[in-house]
N, C-alpha and C. Protein backbone atom coordinates (compact mmCIF):
# COMPACT_ATOMS: atom_id res chain seq x y z
N MET A 1 -26.68 -22.82 -13.95
CA MET A 1 -26.95 -21.47 -14.40
C MET A 1 -26.94 -20.49 -13.23
N ASN A 2 -27.60 -20.87 -12.10
CA ASN A 2 -27.65 -19.99 -10.94
C ASN A 2 -26.28 -19.69 -10.38
N SER A 3 -25.36 -20.64 -10.48
CA SER A 3 -24.02 -20.43 -9.92
C SER A 3 -23.28 -19.30 -10.64
N ARG A 4 -23.73 -18.96 -11.85
CA ARG A 4 -23.06 -17.90 -12.60
C ARG A 4 -23.68 -16.53 -12.34
N LEU A 5 -24.78 -16.48 -11.62
CA LEU A 5 -25.44 -15.20 -11.37
C LEU A 5 -24.54 -14.19 -10.65
N PRO A 6 -23.82 -14.59 -9.58
CA PRO A 6 -22.95 -13.61 -8.92
C PRO A 6 -21.89 -13.05 -9.86
N LEU A 7 -21.34 -13.91 -10.73
CA LEU A 7 -20.33 -13.45 -11.67
C LEU A 7 -20.93 -12.47 -12.67
N ILE A 8 -22.11 -12.78 -13.16
CA ILE A 8 -22.79 -11.89 -14.10
C ILE A 8 -23.11 -10.56 -13.42
N ALA A 9 -23.59 -10.63 -12.17
CA ALA A 9 -23.90 -9.41 -11.41
C ALA A 9 -22.65 -8.57 -11.23
N ALA A 10 -21.53 -9.23 -10.92
CA ALA A 10 -20.28 -8.49 -10.72
C ALA A 10 -19.84 -7.81 -12.01
N CYS A 11 -20.02 -8.51 -13.15
CA CYS A 11 -19.65 -7.92 -14.44
C CYS A 11 -20.52 -6.72 -14.77
N LEU A 12 -21.82 -6.85 -14.54
CA LEU A 12 -22.73 -5.72 -14.79
C LEU A 12 -22.39 -4.55 -13.88
N PHE A 13 -22.09 -4.86 -12.64
CA PHE A 13 -21.72 -3.84 -11.65
C PHE A 13 -20.45 -3.11 -12.09
N ALA A 14 -19.45 -3.89 -12.52
CA ALA A 14 -18.19 -3.30 -12.98
C ALA A 14 -18.41 -2.46 -14.24
N THR A 15 -19.28 -2.93 -15.14
CA THR A 15 -19.59 -2.17 -16.35
C THR A 15 -20.25 -0.84 -16.01
N ALA A 16 -21.17 -0.88 -15.05
CA ALA A 16 -21.83 0.35 -14.62
C ALA A 16 -20.80 1.32 -14.05
N PHE A 17 -19.84 0.78 -13.28
CA PHE A 17 -18.78 1.63 -12.72
C PHE A 17 -17.95 2.24 -13.85
N ALA A 18 -17.61 1.42 -14.84
CA ALA A 18 -16.76 1.90 -15.93
C ALA A 18 -17.46 3.01 -16.71
N SER A 19 -18.75 2.84 -16.99
CA SER A 19 -19.46 3.87 -17.75
C SER A 19 -19.62 5.14 -16.93
N ALA A 20 -19.84 5.00 -15.63
CA ALA A 20 -19.97 6.18 -14.77
C ALA A 20 -18.63 6.91 -14.65
N LYS A 21 -17.54 6.15 -14.71
CA LYS A 21 -16.21 6.74 -14.58
C LYS A 21 -15.91 7.70 -15.74
N ASP A 22 -16.44 7.35 -16.95
CA ASP A 22 -16.21 8.17 -18.13
C ASP A 22 -17.04 9.45 -18.13
N ASP A 23 -18.08 9.51 -17.30
CA ASP A 23 -18.95 10.67 -17.25
C ASP A 23 -18.82 11.35 -15.90
N PRO A 24 -18.08 12.46 -15.82
CA PRO A 24 -17.84 13.11 -14.53
C PRO A 24 -19.10 13.65 -13.87
N LYS A 25 -20.19 13.80 -14.64
CA LYS A 25 -21.43 14.33 -14.07
C LYS A 25 -22.17 13.28 -13.25
N LYS A 26 -21.84 12.01 -13.49
CA LYS A 26 -22.54 10.95 -12.77
C LYS A 26 -22.11 10.91 -11.31
N THR A 27 -22.92 10.24 -10.50
CA THR A 27 -22.68 10.12 -9.06
C THR A 27 -21.33 9.47 -8.78
N ASP A 28 -20.76 9.79 -7.64
CA ASP A 28 -19.53 9.17 -7.17
C ASP A 28 -19.66 7.65 -7.29
N LEU A 29 -18.62 7.00 -7.84
CA LEU A 29 -18.66 5.56 -8.10
C LEU A 29 -18.88 4.75 -6.83
N PHE A 30 -18.19 5.12 -5.78
CA PHE A 30 -18.30 4.36 -4.54
C PHE A 30 -19.71 4.49 -3.97
N GLU A 31 -20.23 5.71 -3.96
CA GLU A 31 -21.58 5.95 -3.44
C GLU A 31 -22.62 5.20 -4.26
N SER A 32 -22.46 5.23 -5.58
CA SER A 32 -23.37 4.50 -6.46
C SER A 32 -23.31 3.00 -6.17
N GLY A 33 -22.09 2.50 -5.95
CA GLY A 33 -21.93 1.09 -5.64
C GLY A 33 -22.60 0.71 -4.33
N LEU A 34 -22.48 1.57 -3.33
CA LEU A 34 -23.14 1.30 -2.04
C LEU A 34 -24.65 1.25 -2.19
N ARG A 35 -25.17 2.13 -3.02
CA ARG A 35 -26.62 2.11 -3.26
C ARG A 35 -27.05 0.79 -3.89
N GLN A 36 -26.26 0.32 -4.86
CA GLN A 36 -26.58 -0.96 -5.50
C GLN A 36 -26.50 -2.10 -4.49
N VAL A 37 -25.50 -2.04 -3.61
CA VAL A 37 -25.37 -3.07 -2.57
C VAL A 37 -26.62 -3.07 -1.69
N MET A 38 -27.08 -1.90 -1.29
CA MET A 38 -28.27 -1.81 -0.43
C MET A 38 -29.52 -2.33 -1.15
N GLU A 39 -29.64 -2.05 -2.45
CA GLU A 39 -30.78 -2.58 -3.21
C GLU A 39 -30.76 -4.10 -3.20
N ASP A 40 -29.59 -4.68 -3.46
CA ASP A 40 -29.48 -6.14 -3.46
C ASP A 40 -29.72 -6.72 -2.06
N TYR A 41 -29.26 -6.01 -1.05
CA TYR A 41 -29.46 -6.45 0.33
C TYR A 41 -30.96 -6.50 0.65
N ARG A 42 -31.67 -5.47 0.26
CA ARG A 42 -33.13 -5.44 0.51
C ARG A 42 -33.86 -6.53 -0.25
N LYS A 43 -33.33 -6.92 -1.41
CA LYS A 43 -33.93 -8.00 -2.20
C LYS A 43 -33.57 -9.37 -1.63
N GLY A 44 -32.59 -9.40 -0.72
CA GLY A 44 -32.16 -10.68 -0.14
C GLY A 44 -31.14 -11.41 -1.00
N ASP A 45 -30.52 -10.72 -1.94
CA ASP A 45 -29.54 -11.35 -2.84
C ASP A 45 -28.14 -11.27 -2.20
N ASP A 46 -27.88 -12.19 -1.27
CA ASP A 46 -26.62 -12.17 -0.52
C ASP A 46 -25.39 -12.34 -1.41
N ALA A 47 -25.51 -13.16 -2.45
CA ALA A 47 -24.37 -13.39 -3.33
C ALA A 47 -23.98 -12.10 -4.06
N ALA A 48 -24.96 -11.37 -4.56
CA ALA A 48 -24.68 -10.11 -5.25
C ALA A 48 -24.10 -9.08 -4.29
N VAL A 49 -24.63 -9.04 -3.07
CA VAL A 49 -24.11 -8.12 -2.06
C VAL A 49 -22.63 -8.39 -1.81
N THR A 50 -22.30 -9.66 -1.60
CA THR A 50 -20.92 -10.05 -1.32
C THR A 50 -19.99 -9.68 -2.48
N GLU A 51 -20.41 -9.99 -3.71
CA GLU A 51 -19.58 -9.67 -4.87
C GLU A 51 -19.35 -8.18 -5.02
N LYS A 52 -20.41 -7.41 -4.85
CA LYS A 52 -20.29 -5.96 -5.02
C LYS A 52 -19.46 -5.33 -3.91
N LEU A 53 -19.57 -5.85 -2.70
CA LEU A 53 -18.74 -5.34 -1.62
C LEU A 53 -17.26 -5.62 -1.90
N ARG A 54 -16.98 -6.78 -2.47
CA ARG A 54 -15.59 -7.10 -2.83
C ARG A 54 -15.05 -6.10 -3.86
N ILE A 55 -15.89 -5.76 -4.83
CA ILE A 55 -15.48 -4.79 -5.85
C ILE A 55 -15.23 -3.43 -5.21
N LEU A 56 -16.12 -3.03 -4.29
CA LEU A 56 -15.96 -1.74 -3.62
C LEU A 56 -14.68 -1.70 -2.78
N ILE A 57 -14.39 -2.79 -2.08
CA ILE A 57 -13.16 -2.86 -1.28
C ILE A 57 -11.95 -2.76 -2.20
N LYS A 58 -11.99 -3.46 -3.33
CA LYS A 58 -10.90 -3.41 -4.29
C LYS A 58 -10.71 -1.98 -4.81
N MET A 59 -11.82 -1.28 -5.08
CA MET A 59 -11.74 0.11 -5.53
C MET A 59 -11.01 0.97 -4.51
N MET A 60 -11.38 0.82 -3.23
CA MET A 60 -10.77 1.63 -2.19
C MET A 60 -9.28 1.29 -2.03
N GLU A 61 -8.94 0.00 -2.14
CA GLU A 61 -7.54 -0.40 -2.04
C GLU A 61 -6.73 0.18 -3.19
N GLU A 62 -7.31 0.19 -4.40
CA GLU A 62 -6.60 0.75 -5.55
C GLU A 62 -6.43 2.26 -5.41
N LYS A 63 -7.44 2.90 -4.87
CA LYS A 63 -7.34 4.34 -4.62
C LYS A 63 -6.21 4.61 -3.62
N GLY A 64 -6.15 3.80 -2.58
CA GLY A 64 -5.07 3.93 -1.59
C GLY A 64 -3.72 3.63 -2.19
N ALA A 65 -3.65 2.63 -3.08
CA ALA A 65 -2.39 2.27 -3.72
C ALA A 65 -1.88 3.40 -4.60
N ASP A 66 -2.79 4.09 -5.29
CA ASP A 66 -2.39 5.23 -6.13
C ASP A 66 -1.77 6.33 -5.27
N LYS A 67 -2.39 6.59 -4.12
CA LYS A 67 -1.85 7.63 -3.22
C LYS A 67 -0.48 7.23 -2.69
N VAL A 68 -0.36 5.98 -2.26
CA VAL A 68 0.92 5.49 -1.73
C VAL A 68 1.98 5.52 -2.82
N GLY A 69 1.62 5.09 -4.02
CA GLY A 69 2.56 5.06 -5.14
C GLY A 69 3.12 6.44 -5.46
N ALA A 70 2.31 7.47 -5.25
CA ALA A 70 2.76 8.85 -5.52
C ALA A 70 3.89 9.28 -4.60
N THR A 71 4.07 8.58 -3.49
CA THR A 71 5.16 8.94 -2.56
C THR A 71 6.48 8.25 -2.92
N LEU A 72 6.46 7.39 -3.93
CA LEU A 72 7.67 6.72 -4.41
C LEU A 72 8.00 7.30 -5.79
N PRO A 73 8.81 8.37 -5.84
CA PRO A 73 9.07 9.06 -7.11
C PRO A 73 9.77 8.18 -8.13
N GLU A 74 9.69 8.58 -9.40
CA GLU A 74 10.30 7.81 -10.47
C GLU A 74 11.83 7.83 -10.41
N THR A 75 12.39 8.95 -9.96
CA THR A 75 13.85 9.03 -9.79
C THR A 75 14.16 9.71 -8.45
N ILE A 76 15.28 9.31 -7.87
CA ILE A 76 15.75 9.92 -6.62
C ILE A 76 17.25 10.13 -6.73
N ASP A 77 17.67 11.38 -6.86
CA ASP A 77 19.11 11.72 -6.87
C ASP A 77 19.97 10.75 -7.67
N GLY A 78 19.64 10.55 -8.92
CA GLY A 78 20.45 9.68 -9.78
C GLY A 78 20.05 8.21 -9.74
N TRP A 79 19.16 7.84 -8.85
CA TRP A 79 18.64 6.47 -8.82
C TRP A 79 17.42 6.43 -9.73
N GLU A 80 17.43 5.52 -10.69
CA GLU A 80 16.31 5.39 -11.63
C GLU A 80 15.33 4.34 -11.11
N GLY A 81 14.06 4.74 -11.06
CA GLY A 81 13.03 3.84 -10.56
C GLY A 81 12.42 3.00 -11.66
N GLU A 82 12.10 1.77 -11.33
CA GLU A 82 11.37 0.90 -12.25
C GLU A 82 9.88 1.15 -12.05
N PRO A 83 9.03 0.56 -12.87
CA PRO A 83 7.58 0.76 -12.69
C PRO A 83 7.13 0.31 -11.29
N LEU A 84 6.11 1.00 -10.79
CA LEU A 84 5.55 0.63 -9.49
C LEU A 84 5.01 -0.79 -9.53
N LYS A 85 5.12 -1.47 -8.41
CA LYS A 85 4.59 -2.83 -8.29
C LYS A 85 3.62 -2.85 -7.11
N ARG A 86 2.47 -3.42 -7.31
CA ARG A 86 1.49 -3.52 -6.23
C ARG A 86 1.31 -4.99 -5.86
N ASP A 87 1.46 -5.28 -4.57
CA ASP A 87 1.26 -6.66 -4.09
C ASP A 87 -0.15 -6.80 -3.56
N ASP A 88 -0.76 -7.93 -3.86
CA ASP A 88 -2.10 -8.21 -3.36
C ASP A 88 -1.99 -8.78 -1.95
N LEU A 89 -2.55 -8.07 -0.98
CA LEU A 89 -2.49 -8.53 0.41
C LEU A 89 -3.81 -9.17 0.86
N GLY A 90 -4.66 -9.49 -0.09
CA GLY A 90 -5.95 -10.10 0.24
C GLY A 90 -5.82 -11.37 1.06
N ALA A 91 -4.81 -12.18 0.75
CA ALA A 91 -4.63 -13.45 1.44
C ALA A 91 -4.19 -13.28 2.90
N VAL A 92 -3.68 -12.10 3.24
CA VAL A 92 -3.23 -11.86 4.62
C VAL A 92 -4.06 -10.78 5.31
N GLY A 93 -5.29 -10.64 4.88
CA GLY A 93 -6.22 -9.73 5.57
C GLY A 93 -6.43 -8.39 4.93
N GLY A 94 -5.76 -8.13 3.79
CA GLY A 94 -5.97 -6.87 3.08
C GLY A 94 -4.92 -5.82 3.39
N GLY A 95 -5.15 -4.65 2.84
CA GLY A 95 -4.21 -3.55 2.97
C GLY A 95 -3.62 -3.18 1.63
N VAL A 96 -2.71 -2.24 1.67
CA VAL A 96 -2.07 -1.73 0.45
C VAL A 96 -0.56 -1.94 0.57
N SER A 97 0.04 -2.52 -0.46
CA SER A 97 1.49 -2.69 -0.51
C SER A 97 1.97 -2.27 -1.90
N VAL A 98 2.78 -1.22 -1.93
CA VAL A 98 3.31 -0.70 -3.19
C VAL A 98 4.82 -0.60 -3.07
N SER A 99 5.52 -1.01 -4.13
CA SER A 99 6.98 -0.94 -4.10
C SER A 99 7.52 -0.45 -5.43
N ARG A 100 8.74 0.06 -5.37
CA ARG A 100 9.46 0.46 -6.58
C ARG A 100 10.93 0.12 -6.38
N ALA A 101 11.52 -0.52 -7.37
CA ALA A 101 12.95 -0.81 -7.34
C ALA A 101 13.70 0.37 -7.94
N TYR A 102 14.78 0.78 -7.28
CA TYR A 102 15.63 1.86 -7.75
C TYR A 102 17.01 1.30 -8.07
N ARG A 103 17.58 1.77 -9.19
CA ARG A 103 18.91 1.30 -9.61
C ARG A 103 19.86 2.48 -9.82
N SER A 104 21.11 2.26 -9.42
CA SER A 104 22.19 3.20 -9.68
C SER A 104 23.42 2.35 -9.96
N GLY A 105 23.77 2.21 -11.23
CA GLY A 105 24.86 1.31 -11.60
C GLY A 105 24.49 -0.12 -11.23
N GLU A 106 25.35 -0.77 -10.46
CA GLU A 106 25.11 -2.15 -10.03
C GLU A 106 24.24 -2.23 -8.77
N LYS A 107 24.01 -1.09 -8.16
CA LYS A 107 23.23 -1.07 -6.92
C LYS A 107 21.73 -1.09 -7.21
N GLU A 108 21.00 -1.83 -6.37
CA GLU A 108 19.54 -1.84 -6.45
C GLU A 108 18.96 -1.79 -5.04
N VAL A 109 17.97 -0.93 -4.86
CA VAL A 109 17.25 -0.84 -3.59
C VAL A 109 15.76 -0.87 -3.91
N VAL A 110 15.03 -1.75 -3.22
CA VAL A 110 13.59 -1.82 -3.38
C VAL A 110 12.95 -1.11 -2.19
N ALA A 111 12.18 -0.06 -2.50
CA ALA A 111 11.46 0.68 -1.45
C ALA A 111 10.01 0.21 -1.47
N LYS A 112 9.52 -0.21 -0.31
CA LYS A 112 8.15 -0.73 -0.20
C LYS A 112 7.42 0.03 0.90
N VAL A 113 6.15 0.34 0.62
CA VAL A 113 5.28 1.00 1.60
C VAL A 113 4.07 0.09 1.81
N ILE A 114 3.78 -0.23 3.08
CA ILE A 114 2.63 -1.09 3.41
C ILE A 114 1.73 -0.32 4.36
N LYS A 115 0.46 -0.21 3.96
CA LYS A 115 -0.52 0.58 4.72
C LYS A 115 -1.79 -0.24 4.93
N ASP A 116 -2.39 -0.10 6.09
CA ASP A 116 -3.67 -0.73 6.42
C ASP A 116 -3.64 -2.25 6.37
N SER A 117 -2.52 -2.84 6.69
CA SER A 117 -2.41 -4.30 6.70
C SER A 117 -2.53 -4.82 8.14
N PRO A 118 -3.52 -5.67 8.41
CA PRO A 118 -3.64 -6.25 9.75
C PRO A 118 -2.39 -7.03 10.17
N LEU A 119 -1.75 -7.67 9.21
CA LEU A 119 -0.54 -8.45 9.50
C LEU A 119 0.59 -7.54 9.96
N VAL A 120 0.76 -6.42 9.29
CA VAL A 120 1.84 -5.49 9.61
C VAL A 120 1.56 -4.73 10.90
N LYS A 121 0.28 -4.52 11.22
CA LYS A 121 -0.07 -3.78 12.45
C LYS A 121 0.53 -4.43 13.69
N GLY A 122 0.68 -5.74 13.66
CA GLY A 122 1.30 -6.44 14.79
C GLY A 122 2.80 -6.20 14.88
N LEU A 123 3.44 -5.95 13.74
CA LEU A 123 4.89 -5.72 13.72
C LEU A 123 5.27 -4.29 14.07
N ILE A 124 4.38 -3.35 13.75
CA ILE A 124 4.70 -1.93 13.90
C ILE A 124 5.13 -1.56 15.33
N PRO A 125 4.44 -2.02 16.37
CA PRO A 125 4.89 -1.64 17.72
C PRO A 125 6.32 -2.12 18.03
N LEU A 126 6.72 -3.24 17.46
CA LEU A 126 8.07 -3.75 17.69
C LEU A 126 9.12 -2.89 16.98
N ILE A 127 8.79 -2.45 15.76
CA ILE A 127 9.74 -1.64 14.99
C ILE A 127 9.82 -0.22 15.54
N ALA A 128 8.71 0.29 16.05
CA ALA A 128 8.66 1.69 16.52
C ALA A 128 9.06 1.86 17.99
N ASN A 129 9.30 0.76 18.71
CA ASN A 129 9.63 0.82 20.13
C ASN A 129 11.14 1.05 20.33
N GLU A 130 11.50 2.30 20.59
CA GLU A 130 12.92 2.65 20.71
C GLU A 130 13.60 1.94 21.88
N ASP A 131 12.88 1.77 23.00
CA ASP A 131 13.47 1.08 24.15
C ASP A 131 13.81 -0.37 23.81
N LEU A 132 12.90 -1.03 23.11
CA LEU A 132 13.14 -2.41 22.70
C LEU A 132 14.32 -2.49 21.73
N LEU A 133 14.40 -1.53 20.82
CA LEU A 133 15.49 -1.52 19.86
C LEU A 133 16.84 -1.36 20.56
N LYS A 134 16.88 -0.54 21.59
CA LYS A 134 18.13 -0.36 22.34
C LYS A 134 18.54 -1.66 23.02
N LEU A 135 17.56 -2.38 23.56
CA LEU A 135 17.86 -3.65 24.22
C LEU A 135 18.42 -4.68 23.25
N THR A 136 17.92 -4.67 22.02
CA THR A 136 18.39 -5.65 21.03
C THR A 136 19.70 -5.23 20.38
N GLY A 137 20.11 -3.98 20.60
CA GLY A 137 21.38 -3.51 20.06
C GLY A 137 21.38 -3.25 18.57
N ARG A 138 20.20 -3.11 17.97
CA ARG A 138 20.15 -2.85 16.53
C ARG A 138 20.50 -1.40 16.22
N LYS A 139 21.10 -1.19 15.08
CA LYS A 139 21.51 0.15 14.66
C LYS A 139 20.29 0.93 14.21
N THR A 140 20.20 2.19 14.66
CA THR A 140 19.06 3.03 14.29
C THR A 140 19.54 4.34 13.68
N HIS A 141 18.63 4.97 12.93
CA HIS A 141 18.86 6.28 12.33
C HIS A 141 17.60 7.11 12.54
N ARG A 142 17.75 8.45 12.57
CA ARG A 142 16.59 9.35 12.60
C ARG A 142 16.35 9.83 11.18
N ILE A 143 15.15 9.58 10.68
CA ILE A 143 14.78 9.98 9.33
C ILE A 143 13.44 10.70 9.39
N SER A 144 13.45 11.97 9.06
CA SER A 144 12.23 12.81 9.07
C SER A 144 11.50 12.69 10.41
N GLY A 145 12.26 12.65 11.49
CA GLY A 145 11.66 12.58 12.83
C GLY A 145 11.27 11.19 13.28
N GLU A 146 11.43 10.20 12.43
CA GLU A 146 11.07 8.82 12.76
C GLU A 146 12.32 7.99 13.02
N THR A 147 12.19 6.97 13.85
CA THR A 147 13.30 6.06 14.09
C THR A 147 13.29 4.97 13.02
N ALA A 148 14.40 4.84 12.32
CA ALA A 148 14.55 3.78 11.33
C ALA A 148 15.54 2.77 11.89
N VAL A 149 15.25 1.50 11.69
CA VAL A 149 16.08 0.44 12.26
C VAL A 149 16.65 -0.44 11.15
N MET A 150 17.93 -0.79 11.31
CA MET A 150 18.57 -1.71 10.37
C MET A 150 18.25 -3.14 10.79
N GLU A 151 17.84 -3.94 9.83
CA GLU A 151 17.64 -5.38 10.02
C GLU A 151 18.76 -6.04 9.23
N GLY A 152 19.86 -6.36 9.88
CA GLY A 152 21.02 -6.86 9.16
C GLY A 152 21.72 -5.71 8.44
N GLU A 153 22.39 -6.02 7.33
CA GLU A 153 23.15 -4.99 6.62
C GLU A 153 22.42 -4.43 5.42
N ARG A 154 21.35 -5.06 5.00
CA ARG A 154 20.72 -4.70 3.73
C ARG A 154 19.25 -4.32 3.83
N LYS A 155 18.72 -4.19 5.04
CA LYS A 155 17.30 -3.84 5.18
C LYS A 155 17.13 -2.74 6.21
N LEU A 156 16.37 -1.70 5.83
CA LEU A 156 16.05 -0.59 6.71
C LEU A 156 14.53 -0.50 6.83
N GLN A 157 14.03 -0.43 8.06
CA GLN A 157 12.58 -0.33 8.28
C GLN A 157 12.28 0.86 9.16
N LEU A 158 11.16 1.53 8.85
CA LEU A 158 10.69 2.60 9.71
C LEU A 158 9.18 2.67 9.62
N VAL A 159 8.59 3.34 10.60
CA VAL A 159 7.14 3.46 10.67
C VAL A 159 6.78 4.93 10.57
N ALA A 160 5.92 5.26 9.62
CA ALA A 160 5.44 6.64 9.46
C ALA A 160 4.09 6.76 10.16
N ASP A 161 3.96 7.77 10.98
CA ASP A 161 2.71 8.09 11.67
C ASP A 161 2.21 6.92 12.53
N GLY A 162 3.10 6.07 12.98
CA GLY A 162 2.71 4.96 13.85
C GLY A 162 1.84 3.89 13.22
N ARG A 163 1.71 3.91 11.85
CA ARG A 163 0.79 2.95 11.22
C ARG A 163 1.18 2.50 9.82
N ILE A 164 2.16 3.16 9.21
CA ILE A 164 2.55 2.82 7.84
C ILE A 164 4.00 2.34 7.85
N LEU A 165 4.21 1.12 7.38
CA LEU A 165 5.55 0.54 7.35
C LEU A 165 6.25 0.91 6.05
N VAL A 166 7.48 1.41 6.18
CA VAL A 166 8.33 1.71 5.03
C VAL A 166 9.56 0.82 5.16
N GLU A 167 9.87 0.12 4.08
CA GLU A 167 10.98 -0.83 4.12
C GLU A 167 11.85 -0.64 2.87
N LEU A 168 13.14 -0.55 3.06
CA LEU A 168 14.08 -0.47 1.95
C LEU A 168 15.04 -1.64 2.05
N VAL A 169 15.16 -2.39 0.96
CA VAL A 169 16.01 -3.58 0.94
C VAL A 169 16.99 -3.44 -0.23
N GLY A 170 18.28 -3.55 0.06
CA GLY A 170 19.30 -3.40 -0.97
C GLY A 170 19.90 -4.72 -1.41
N ASN A 171 20.46 -4.73 -2.61
CA ASN A 171 21.17 -5.92 -3.08
C ASN A 171 22.59 -5.89 -2.50
N ALA A 172 23.44 -6.82 -2.92
CA ALA A 172 24.78 -6.96 -2.34
C ALA A 172 25.65 -5.73 -2.57
N GLU A 173 25.39 -4.97 -3.64
CA GLU A 173 26.20 -3.78 -3.94
C GLU A 173 25.74 -2.54 -3.16
N ALA A 174 24.51 -2.53 -2.71
CA ALA A 174 23.97 -1.37 -1.98
C ALA A 174 24.33 -1.51 -0.50
N ASP A 175 24.70 -0.40 0.12
CA ASP A 175 25.06 -0.46 1.54
C ASP A 175 24.10 0.37 2.40
N GLU A 176 24.38 0.39 3.67
CA GLU A 176 23.54 1.10 4.63
C GLU A 176 23.38 2.58 4.29
N LYS A 177 24.47 3.21 3.84
CA LYS A 177 24.41 4.62 3.47
C LYS A 177 23.42 4.86 2.35
N ASP A 178 23.38 3.94 1.39
CA ASP A 178 22.43 4.06 0.27
C ASP A 178 20.99 3.97 0.77
N LEU A 179 20.73 3.03 1.66
CA LEU A 179 19.38 2.85 2.20
C LEU A 179 18.93 4.10 2.95
N VAL A 180 19.80 4.62 3.79
CA VAL A 180 19.48 5.80 4.60
C VAL A 180 19.26 7.01 3.69
N ALA A 181 20.15 7.19 2.70
CA ALA A 181 20.04 8.34 1.79
C ALA A 181 18.72 8.30 1.02
N LEU A 182 18.35 7.12 0.53
CA LEU A 182 17.09 7.01 -0.21
C LEU A 182 15.89 7.23 0.71
N ALA A 183 15.96 6.68 1.91
CA ALA A 183 14.85 6.85 2.87
C ALA A 183 14.64 8.32 3.19
N ARG A 184 15.72 9.08 3.29
CA ARG A 184 15.62 10.51 3.60
C ARG A 184 14.94 11.29 2.47
N LYS A 185 14.94 10.75 1.27
CA LYS A 185 14.33 11.44 0.13
C LYS A 185 12.85 11.09 -0.06
N LEU A 186 12.35 10.11 0.67
CA LEU A 186 10.93 9.75 0.55
C LEU A 186 10.09 10.77 1.31
N ASP A 187 8.91 11.03 0.82
CA ASP A 187 8.02 12.02 1.43
C ASP A 187 7.21 11.37 2.55
N LEU A 188 7.84 11.21 3.70
CA LEU A 188 7.18 10.57 4.85
C LEU A 188 6.05 11.44 5.38
N ALA A 189 6.17 12.76 5.25
CA ALA A 189 5.10 13.65 5.70
C ALA A 189 3.83 13.43 4.90
N ALA A 190 3.97 13.22 3.59
CA ALA A 190 2.80 12.93 2.75
C ALA A 190 2.17 11.59 3.13
N LEU A 191 3.04 10.61 3.43
CA LEU A 191 2.52 9.31 3.88
C LEU A 191 1.73 9.45 5.17
N ALA A 192 2.27 10.21 6.09
CA ALA A 192 1.63 10.36 7.39
C ALA A 192 0.26 11.02 7.29
N LYS A 193 0.05 11.84 6.26
CA LYS A 193 -1.25 12.51 6.09
C LYS A 193 -2.31 11.61 5.48
N MET A 194 -1.90 10.47 4.92
CA MET A 194 -2.86 9.58 4.28
C MET A 194 -3.75 8.91 5.29
N LYS A 195 -5.01 8.89 5.02
CA LYS A 195 -5.98 8.20 5.90
C LYS A 195 -6.54 6.99 5.18
């Protein structure tokens, strides 16, 4: 019975969040959740604290995913976008990963934005280092003031604001020009403003 207490607490916590969400006059959901976490902490209920913190982290990640998703429009110059897809990065340390596949005839390009990922933070300096890119001889493009690098013939990567990875991957029918053209239409300035 005791082993189910954290699950029950998490359900009650989530229910409280859901009811507060429907009433705009109620306290901010995140702030309310932190208060509940502190109450449980003072009571010594470590399991409830852990569960509620996980819920709060998930809330913040979803909020971040919504913001990131807004930078991937439904259509781009004749390319039709599929529904947004969110990848769970919990297994690799967290963060936000949102992608949308775009189609134009037989061509398909998947645009992905990864933010706040500890795993990606290690790759960013390599992708953003222009001197290193010159040494490796990889093809680069300037997109909205950022250096974008080709990884082979079907993948384009760039870093927005030194911390957000943007990646476009095309199928066999999509070429480098398609990747560059789509990347130029993404709102990198909006991405850079995200905290």
